[in-house]
C-alpha atoms as a PDB file:
ATOM      1  CA  UNK A   1     133.011  70.547  74.401  1.00  0.00           C
ATOM      2  CA  UNK A   2     131.736  68.743  71.293  1.00  0.00           C
ATOM      3  CA  UNK A   3     134.021  67.782  68.342  1.00  0.00           C
ATOM      4  CA  UNK A   4     132.679  66.806  64.921  1.00  0.00           C
ATOM      5  CA  UNK A   5     134.889  65.410  62.129  1.00  0.00           C
ATOM      6  CA  UNK A   6     133.782  65.817  58.486  1.00  0.00           C
ATOM      7  CA  UNK A   7     134.700  63.626  55.516  1.00  0.00           C
ATOM      8  CA  UNK A   8     137.685  65.793  54.553  1.00  0.00           C
ATOM      9  CA  UNK A   9     139.141  65.446  58.071  1.00  0.00           C
ATOM     10  CA  UNK A  10     138.111  68.969  59.065  1.00  0.00           C
ATOM     11  CA  UNK A  11     137.362  69.182  62.780  1.00  0.00           C
ATOM     12  CA  UNK A  12     134.563  71.477  63.948  1.00  0.00           C
ATOM     13  CA  UNK A  13     134.642  72.381  67.631  1.00  0.00           C
ATOM     14  CA  UNK A  14     131.670  73.885  69.479  1.00  0.00           C
ATOM     15  CA  UNK A  15     131.054  74.835  73.088  1.00  0.00           C
ATOM     16  CA  UNK A  16     128.233  73.097  74.896  1.00  0.00           C
ATOM     17  CA  UNK A  17     126.521  76.094  76.443  1.00  0.00           C
ATOM     18  CA  UNK A  18     123.967  74.617  78.798  1.00  0.00           C
ATOM     19  CA  UNK A  19     122.312  77.256  81.034  1.00  0.00           C
ATOM     20  CA  UNK A  20     123.452  77.144  84.651  1.00  0.00           C
ATOM     21  CA  UNK A  21     120.377  77.456  86.881  1.00  0.00           C
ATOM     22  CA  UNK A  22     122.388  78.382  89.989  1.00  0.00           C
ATOM     23  CA  UNK A  23     124.198  81.167  88.133  1.00  0.00           C
ATOM     24  CA  UNK A  24     120.896  82.266  86.623  1.00  0.00           C
ATOM     25  CA  UNK A  25     119.273  82.524  90.075  1.00  0.00           C
ATOM     26  CA  UNK A  26     122.250  84.431  91.445  1.00  0.00           C
ATOM     27  CA  UNK A  27     122.083  86.926  88.560  1.00  0.00           C
ATOM     28  CA  UNK A  28     118.305  87.266  88.989  1.00  0.00           C
ATOM     29  CA  UNK A  29     118.644  89.002  92.361  1.00  0.00           C
ATOM     30  CA  UNK A  30     120.626  92.086  91.235  1.00  0.00           C
ATOM     31  CA  UNK A  31     118.733  92.064  87.934  1.00  0.00           C
ATOM     32  CA  UNK A  32     115.418  92.167  89.803  1.00  0.00           C
ATOM     33  CA  UNK A  33     116.623  95.129  91.869  1.00  0.00           C
ATOM     34  CA  UNK A  34     117.660  96.987  88.702  1.00  0.00           C
ATOM     35  CA  UNK A  35     114.237  96.135  87.226  1.00  0.00           C
ATOM     36  CA  UNK A  36     112.610  98.051  90.090  1.00  0.00           C
ATOM     37  CA  UNK A  37     114.372 101.211  88.940  1.00  0.00           C
ATOM     38  CA  UNK A  38     113.473 100.437  85.345  1.00  0.00           C
ATOM     39  CA  UNK A  39     109.812 100.023  86.238  1.00  0.00           C
ATOM     40  CA  UNK A  40     109.613 103.298  88.146  1.00  0.00           C
ATOM     41  CA  UNK A  41     111.450 105.159  85.367  1.00  0.00           C
ATOM     42  CA  UNK A  42     109.246 103.603  82.669  1.00  0.00           C
ATOM     43  CA  UNK A  43     106.106 104.542  84.608  1.00  0.00           C
ATOM     44  CA  UNK A  44     107.282 108.138  84.878  1.00  0.00           C
ATOM     45  CA  UNK A  45     108.238 108.235  81.197  1.00  0.00           C
ATOM     46  CA  UNK A  46     104.807 106.899  80.206  1.00  0.00           C
ATOM     47  CA  UNK A  47     103.137 109.689  82.187  1.00  0.00           C
ATOM     48  CA  UNK A  48     105.283 112.267  80.377  1.00  0.00           C
ATOM     49  CA  UNK A  49     104.594 110.652  77.006  1.00  0.00           C
ATOM     50  CA  UNK A  50     100.823 110.977  77.339  1.00  0.00           C
ATOM     51  CA  UNK A  51      99.692 113.301  74.571  1.00  0.00           C
ATOM     52  CA  UNK A  52     103.276 114.273  73.689  1.00  0.00           C
ATOM     53  CA  UNK A  53     104.580 111.156  71.932  1.00  0.00           C
ATOM     54  CA  UNK A  54     108.280 111.747  72.635  1.00  0.00           C
ATOM     55  CA  UNK A  55     109.146 108.038  72.899  1.00  0.00           C
ATOM     56  CA  UNK A  56     110.562 108.451  76.388  1.00  0.00           C
ATOM     57  CA  UNK A  57     109.423 104.933  77.357  1.00  0.00           C
ATOM     58  CA  UNK A  58     111.430 103.387  74.538  1.00  0.00           C
ATOM     59  CA  UNK A  59     114.492 105.448  75.480  1.00  0.00           C
ATOM     60  CA  UNK A  60     114.230 104.324  79.125  1.00  0.00           C
ATOM     61  CA  UNK A  61     113.940 100.668  78.136  1.00  0.00           C
ATOM     62  CA  UNK A  62     116.996 100.925  75.850  1.00  0.00           C
ATOM     63  CA  UNK A  63     118.986 102.609  78.616  1.00  0.00           C
ATOM     64  CA  UNK A  64     118.268  99.899  81.183  1.00  0.00           C
ATOM     65  CA  UNK A  65     118.995  97.193  78.625  1.00  0.00           C
ATOM     66  CA  UNK A  66     122.504  98.660  78.350  1.00  0.00           C
ATOM     67  CA  UNK A  67     123.213  99.073  82.074  1.00  0.00           C
ATOM     68  CA  UNK A  68     121.789  95.724  83.299  1.00  0.00           C
ATOM     69  CA  UNK A  69     124.529  93.104  82.794  1.00  0.00           C
ATOM     70  CA  UNK A  70     122.604  90.421  84.700  1.00  0.00           C
ATOM     71  CA  UNK A  71     119.361  90.332  82.702  1.00  0.00           C
ATOM     72  CA  UNK A  72     120.495  87.933  79.968  1.00  0.00           C
ATOM     73  CA  UNK A  73     121.917  85.400  82.427  1.00  0.00           C
ATOM     74  CA  UNK A  74     118.844  85.657  84.690  1.00  0.00           C
ATOM     75  CA  UNK A  75     116.541  85.057  81.710  1.00  0.00           C
ATOM     76  CA  UNK A  76     118.489  81.982  80.532  1.00  0.00           C
ATOM     77  CA  UNK A  77     116.451  79.632  82.783  1.00  0.00           C
ATOM     78  CA  UNK A  78     112.872  79.494  83.966  1.00  0.00           C
ATOM     79  CA  UNK A  79     113.847  79.582  87.651  1.00  0.00           C
ATOM     80  CA  UNK A  80     115.983  82.638  86.945  1.00  0.00           C
ATOM     81  CA  UNK A  81     113.062  84.476  85.346  1.00  0.00           C
ATOM     82  CA  UNK A  82     110.783  83.617  88.268  1.00  0.00           C
ATOM     83  CA  UNK A  83     113.375  84.732  90.831  1.00  0.00           C
ATOM     84  CA  UNK A  84     113.923  87.998  88.979  1.00  0.00           C
ATOM     85  CA  UNK A  85     110.182  88.726  88.933  1.00  0.00           C
ATOM     86  CA  UNK A  86     109.800  87.853  92.625  1.00  0.00           C
ATOM     87  CA  UNK A  87     112.561  90.315  93.527  1.00  0.00           C
ATOM     88  CA  UNK A  88     111.234  92.917  91.086  1.00  0.00           C
ATOM     89  CA  UNK A  89     107.713  93.032  92.533  1.00  0.00           C
ATOM     90  CA  UNK A  90     108.141  91.354  95.924  1.00  0.00           C
ATOM     91  CA  UNK A  91     110.507  93.929  97.402  1.00  0.00           C
ATOM     92  CA  UNK A  92     108.479  97.076  96.550  1.00  0.00           C
ATOM     93  CA  UNK A  93     105.187  95.253  97.138  1.00  0.00           C
ATOM     94  CA  UNK A  94     106.234  94.071 100.594  1.00  0.00           C
ATOM     95  CA  UNK A  95     107.555  97.477 101.638  1.00  0.00           C
ATOM     96  CA  UNK A  96     104.432  99.213 100.329  1.00  0.00           C
ATOM     97  CA  UNK A  97     102.153  96.769 102.159  1.00  0.00           C
ATOM     98  CA  UNK A  98     103.969  97.367 105.434  1.00  0.00           C
ATOM     99  CA  UNK A  99     103.865 101.147 105.024  1.00  0.00           C
ATOM    100  CA  UNK A 100     100.255 101.363 103.830  1.00  0.00           C
ATOM    101  CA  UNK A 101      98.736  98.975 106.350  1.00  0.00           C
ATOM    102  CA  UNK A 102     100.546 100.227 109.456  1.00  0.00           C
ATOM    103  CA  UNK A 103      99.524  96.929 111.026  1.00  0.00           C
ATOM    104  CA  UNK A 104     102.843  96.419 112.780  1.00  0.00           C
ATOM    105  CA  UNK A 105     102.738  99.875 114.375  1.00  0.00           C
ATOM    106  CA  UNK A 106      99.119  99.414 115.403  1.00  0.00           C
ATOM    107  CA  UNK A 107      99.884  96.051 117.024  1.00  0.00           C
ATOM    108  CA  UNK A 108     102.824  97.492 118.992  1.00  0.00           C
ATOM    109  CA  UNK A 109     100.733 100.474 120.111  1.00  0.00           C
ATOM    110  CA  UNK A 110      97.925  98.155 121.231  1.00  0.00           C
ATOM    111  CA  UNK A 111     100.328  95.974 123.206  1.00  0.00           C
ATOM    112  CA  UNK A 112     101.750  99.016 124.992  1.00  0.00           C
ATOM    113  CA  UNK A 113      98.221 100.119 125.863  1.00  0.00           C
ATOM    114  CA  UNK A 114      97.323  96.638 127.120  1.00  0.00           C
ATOM    115  CA  UNK A 115      94.714  96.074 124.409  1.00  0.00           C
ATOM    116  CA  UNK A 116      94.499  94.198 121.122  1.00  0.00           C
ATOM    117  CA  UNK A 117      93.808  95.256 117.537  1.00  0.00           C
ATOM    118  CA  UNK A 118      90.215  94.370 116.684  1.00  0.00           C
ATOM    119  CA  UNK A 119      89.376  92.066 113.779  1.00  0.00           C
ATOM    120  CA  UNK A 120      87.672  94.938 111.963  1.00  0.00           C
ATOM    121  CA  UNK A 121      90.727  97.149 112.367  1.00  0.00           C
ATOM    122  CA  UNK A 122      92.995  94.348 111.124  1.00  0.00           C
ATOM    123  CA  UNK A 123      90.788  93.803 108.062  1.00  0.00           C
ATOM    124  CA  UNK A 124      90.736  97.527 107.268  1.00  0.00           C
ATOM    125  CA  UNK A 125      94.486  97.856 107.605  1.00  0.00           C
ATOM    126  CA  UNK A 126      95.086  94.708 105.571  1.00  0.00           C
ATOM    127  CA  UNK A 127      92.906  96.104 102.764  1.00  0.00           C
ATOM    128  CA  UNK A 128      94.946  99.321 102.840  1.00  0.00           C
ATOM    129  CA  UNK A 129      98.128  97.284 102.617  1.00  0.00           C
ATOM    130  CA  UNK A 130      96.803  95.243  99.688  1.00  0.00           C
ATOM    131  CA  UNK A 131      95.959  98.420  97.748  1.00  0.00           C
ATOM    132  CA  UNK A 132      99.405  99.841  98.487  1.00  0.00           C
ATOM    133  CA  UNK A 133     101.132  96.616  97.440  1.00  0.00           C
ATOM    134  CA  UNK A 134      99.161  96.415  94.203  1.00  0.00           C
ATOM    135  CA  UNK A 135      99.989 100.022  93.325  1.00  0.00           C
ATOM    136  CA  UNK A 136     103.693  99.481  94.043  1.00  0.00           C
ATOM    137  CA  UNK A 137     103.821  96.318  91.944  1.00  0.00           C
ATOM    138  CA  UNK A 138     102.097  98.032  89.012  1.00  0.00           C
ATOM    139  CA  UNK A 139     104.593 100.899  89.135  1.00  0.00           C
ATOM    140  CA  UNK A 140     107.766  98.891  89.814  1.00  0.00           C
ATOM    141  CA  UNK A 141     107.376  95.950  87.416  1.00  0.00           C
ATOM    142  CA  UNK A 142     110.211  96.294  84.923  1.00  0.00           C
ATOM    143  CA  UNK A 143     108.540  95.013  81.754  1.00  0.00           C
ATOM    144  CA  UNK A 144     104.828  94.444  82.241  1.00  0.00           C
ATOM    145  CA  UNK A 145     104.370  92.783  78.851  1.00  0.00           C
ATOM    146  CA  UNK A 146     107.147  90.314  79.601  1.00  0.00           C
ATOM    147  CA  UNK A 147     105.898  89.664  83.150  1.00  0.00           C
ATOM    148  CA  UNK A 148     102.299  89.092  82.028  1.00  0.00           C
ATOM    149  CA  UNK A 149      99.231  88.447  84.154  1.00  0.00           C
ATOM    150  CA  UNK A 150      96.957  85.547  84.991  1.00  0.00           C
ATOM    151  CA  UNK A 151      94.502  87.220  82.631  1.00  0.00           C
ATOM    152  CA  UNK A 152      96.814  86.225  79.782  1.00  0.00           C
ATOM    153  CA  UNK A 153      96.016  82.573  80.531  1.00  0.00           C
ATOM    154  CA  UNK A 154      92.448  82.874  81.800  1.00  0.00           C
ATOM    155  CA  UNK A 155      91.227  85.810  79.747  1.00  0.00           C
ATOM    156  CA  UNK A 156      89.237  88.663  81.202  1.00  0.00           C
ATOM    157  CA  UNK A 157      89.821  92.355  81.948  1.00  0.00           C
ATOM    158  CA  UNK A 158      93.387  91.914  83.256  1.00  0.00           C
ATOM    159  CA  UNK A 159      94.706  90.389  80.039  1.00  0.00           C
ATOM    160  CA  UNK A 160      97.735  92.372  78.815  1.00  0.00           C
ATOM    161  CA  UNK A 161      97.342  94.247  75.528  1.00  0.00           C
ATOM    162  CA  UNK A 162     100.492  93.693  73.438  1.00  0.00           C
ATOM    163  CA  UNK A 163      99.142  95.216  70.227  1.00  0.00           C
ATOM    164  CA  UNK A 164     100.151  98.791  71.034  1.00  0.00           C
ATOM    165  CA  UNK A 165     103.310 100.502  72.280  1.00  0.00           C
ATOM    166  CA  UNK A 166     101.553 103.739  73.233  1.00  0.00           C
ATOM    167  CA  UNK A 167     102.065 105.367  76.623  1.00  0.00           C
ATOM    168  CA  UNK A 168      98.369 104.998  77.421  1.00  0.00           C
ATOM    169  CA  UNK A 169      98.541 101.261  76.753  1.00  0.00           C
ATOM    170  CA  UNK A 170     101.673 100.956  78.923  1.00  0.00           C
ATOM    171  CA  UNK A 171      99.875 102.623  81.828  1.00  0.00           C
ATOM    172  CA  UNK A 172      96.739 100.533  81.313  1.00  0.00           C
ATOM    173  CA  UNK A 173      98.760  97.315  81.332  1.00  0.00           C
ATOM    174  CA  UNK A 174     100.447  98.402  84.554  1.00  0.00           C
ATOM    175  CA  UNK A 175      97.052  99.124  86.072  1.00  0.00           C
ATOM    176  CA  UNK A 176      95.907  95.591  85.186  1.00  0.00           C
ATOM    177  CA  UNK A 177      99.069  94.147  86.721  1.00  0.00           C
ATOM    178  CA  UNK A 178      98.548  96.185  89.880  1.00  0.00           C
ATOM    179  CA  UNK A 179      94.902  95.118  90.203  1.00  0.00           C
ATOM    180  CA  UNK A 180      95.942  91.480  90.072  1.00  0.00           C
ATOM    181  CA  UNK A 181      98.677  92.167  92.613  1.00  0.00           C
ATOM    182  CA  UNK A 182      96.146  93.730  94.971  1.00  0.00           C
ATOM    183  CA  UNK A 183      93.744  90.805  94.547  1.00  0.00           C
ATOM    184  CA  UNK A 184      96.385  88.153  95.135  1.00  0.00           C
ATOM    185  CA  UNK A 185      97.756  89.956  98.179  1.00  0.00           C
ATOM    186  CA  UNK A 186      94.252  89.714  99.651  1.00  0.00           C
ATOM    187  CA  UNK A 187      93.940  86.068  98.632  1.00  0.00           C
ATOM    188  CA  UNK A 188      97.287  85.156 100.208  1.00  0.00           C
ATOM    189  CA  UNK A 189      96.282  86.963 103.379  1.00  0.00           C
ATOM    190  CA  UNK A 190      93.005  85.054 103.571  1.00  0.00           C
ATOM    191  CA  UNK A 191      94.855  81.782 102.979  1.00  0.00           C
ATOM    192  CA  UNK A 192      97.261  82.659 105.788  1.00  0.00           C
ATOM    193  CA  UNK A 193      94.374  83.292 108.182  1.00  0.00           C
ATOM    194  CA  UNK A 194      92.825  79.948 107.236  1.00  0.00           C
ATOM    195  CA  UNK A 195      96.084  78.111 107.916  1.00  0.00           C
ATOM    196  CA  UNK A 196      96.327  79.881 111.259  1.00  0.00           C
ATOM    197  CA  UNK A 197      92.829  78.782 112.224  1.00  0.00           C
ATOM    198  CA  UNK A 198      93.600  75.202 111.202  1.00  0.00           C
ATOM    199  CA  UNK A 199      96.698  75.229 113.398  1.00  0.00           C
ATOM    200  CA  UNK A 200      94.635  76.469 116.332  1.00  0.00           C
ATOM    201  CA  UNK A 201      92.143  73.655 115.864  1.00  0.00           C
ATOM    202  CA  UNK A 202      94.823  70.981 115.419  1.00  0.00           C
ATOM    203  CA  UNK A 203      95.551  69.141 118.647  1.00  0.00           C
ATOM    204  CA  UNK A 204      92.238  70.130 120.237  1.00  0.00           C
ATOM    205  CA  UNK A 205      88.806  68.526 120.220  1.00  0.00           C
ATOM    206  CA  UNK A 206      87.233  71.369 118.207  1.00  0.00           C
ATOM    207  CA  UNK A 207      87.694  69.613 114.880  1.00  0.00           C
ATOM    208  CA  UNK A 208      86.268  66.339 116.219  1.00  0.00           C
ATOM    209  CA  UNK A 209      83.272  68.083 117.793  1.00  0.00           C
ATOM    210  CA  UNK A 210      82.586  69.954 114.557  1.00  0.00           C
ATOM    211  CA  UNK A 211      82.824  66.728 112.543  1.00  0.00           C
ATOM    212  CA  UNK A 212      80.549  64.840 114.970  1.00  0.00           C
ATOM    213  CA  UNK A 213      77.985  67.654 114.820  1.00  0.00           C
ATOM    214  CA  UNK A 214      77.956  67.539 111.022  1.00  0.00           C
ATOM    215  CA  UNK A 215      77.447  63.748 111.018  1.00  0.00           C
ATOM    216  CA  UNK A 216      74.662  64.076 113.562  1.00  0.00           C
ATOM    217  CA  UNK A 217      72.917  66.674 111.408  1.00  0.00           C
ATOM    218  CA  UNK A 218      73.203  64.491 108.300  1.00  0.00           C
ATOM    219  CA  UNK A 219      71.967  61.408 110.164  1.00  0.00           C
ATOM    220  CA  UNK A 220      68.913  63.306 111.488  1.00  0.00           C
ATOM    221  CA  UNK A 221      67.582  63.634 107.941  1.00  0.00           C
ATOM    222  CA  UNK A 222      66.999  59.883 107.899  1.00  0.00           C
ATOM    223  CA  UNK A 223      65.577  59.459 111.426  1.00  0.00           C
ATOM    224  CA  UNK A 224      61.948  59.771 112.324  1.00  0.00           C
ATOM    225  CA  UNK A 225      62.796  61.826 115.394  1.00  0.00           C
ATOM    226  CA  UNK A 226      65.046  64.164 113.356  1.00  0.00           C
ATOM    227  CA  UNK A 227      67.330  66.229 115.566  1.00  0.00           C
ATOM    228  CA  UNK A 228      65.211  65.553 118.666  1.00  0.00           C
ATOM    229  CA  UNK A 229      66.172  62.993 121.250  1.00  0.00           C
ATOM    230  CA  UNK A 230      64.039  59.852 121.482  1.00  0.00           C
ATOM    231  CA  UNK A 231      62.489  61.078 124.761  1.00  0.00           C
ATOM    232  CA  UNK A 232      61.515  64.478 123.331  1.00  0.00           C
ATOM    233  CA  UNK A 233      60.148  62.871 120.175  1.00  0.00           C
ATOM    234  CA  UNK A 234      57.980  60.424 122.167  1.00  0.00           C
ATOM    235  CA  UNK A 235      56.772  63.164 124.483  1.00  0.00           C
ATOM    236  CA  UNK A 236      55.704  65.400 121.586  1.00  0.00           C
ATOM    237  CA  UNK A 237      53.849  62.530 119.917  1.00  0.00           C
ATOM    238  CA  UNK A 238      52.048  61.640 123.201  1.00  0.00           C
ATOM    239  CA  UNK A 239      50.889  65.232 123.660  1.00  0.00           C
ATOM    240  CA  UNK A 240      49.607  65.277 120.087  1.00  0.00           C
END
């Protein structure tokens, strides 16, 4: 609490309302879950508004603003906003990826049959999962203009258009958000595979052999015998 005393001895008292990051994170979890419902309802309202202009999207947004008591506290800190967005898109995106890819079911079925899922089958199923996750994120994001995209910072086709409140623009912005979600799901998957490969190599001699081979190749550019051994190089020169 802060107290200020003026010249006429009047005391002014004010509360020091610093945002509590722990409370903000705690509020972000239920707020993010409510945002999922808001996103789905807003998506449906935008579809109904196409060509009708009944302002259903605006009515849905006002309704969820009234029934979500956690949103203001969650948005009071940066970590709260991030947590809310992760819950908002991570939950539906993860469930959609699992359902669309069917990778878990395929792996279990292969194990029961005494086989393994081929790399091609894994890639196909992962692509299906990425498309499903992107679609779910585009539909479920509560406020796409508030969430934003990487296109907002980098420019390009996924940049959010905030100049129009039309239903068509709402759907287009959600499509952009979903496309980015699909792309980043694929990128995270590729990064995970790379980390897995690095772990396999760690502790073995594969990395050292690969490094030695690269050095040998580079060194051959500066040797007269190139990649040949000295014996082979001398033999070829003698025959010539």
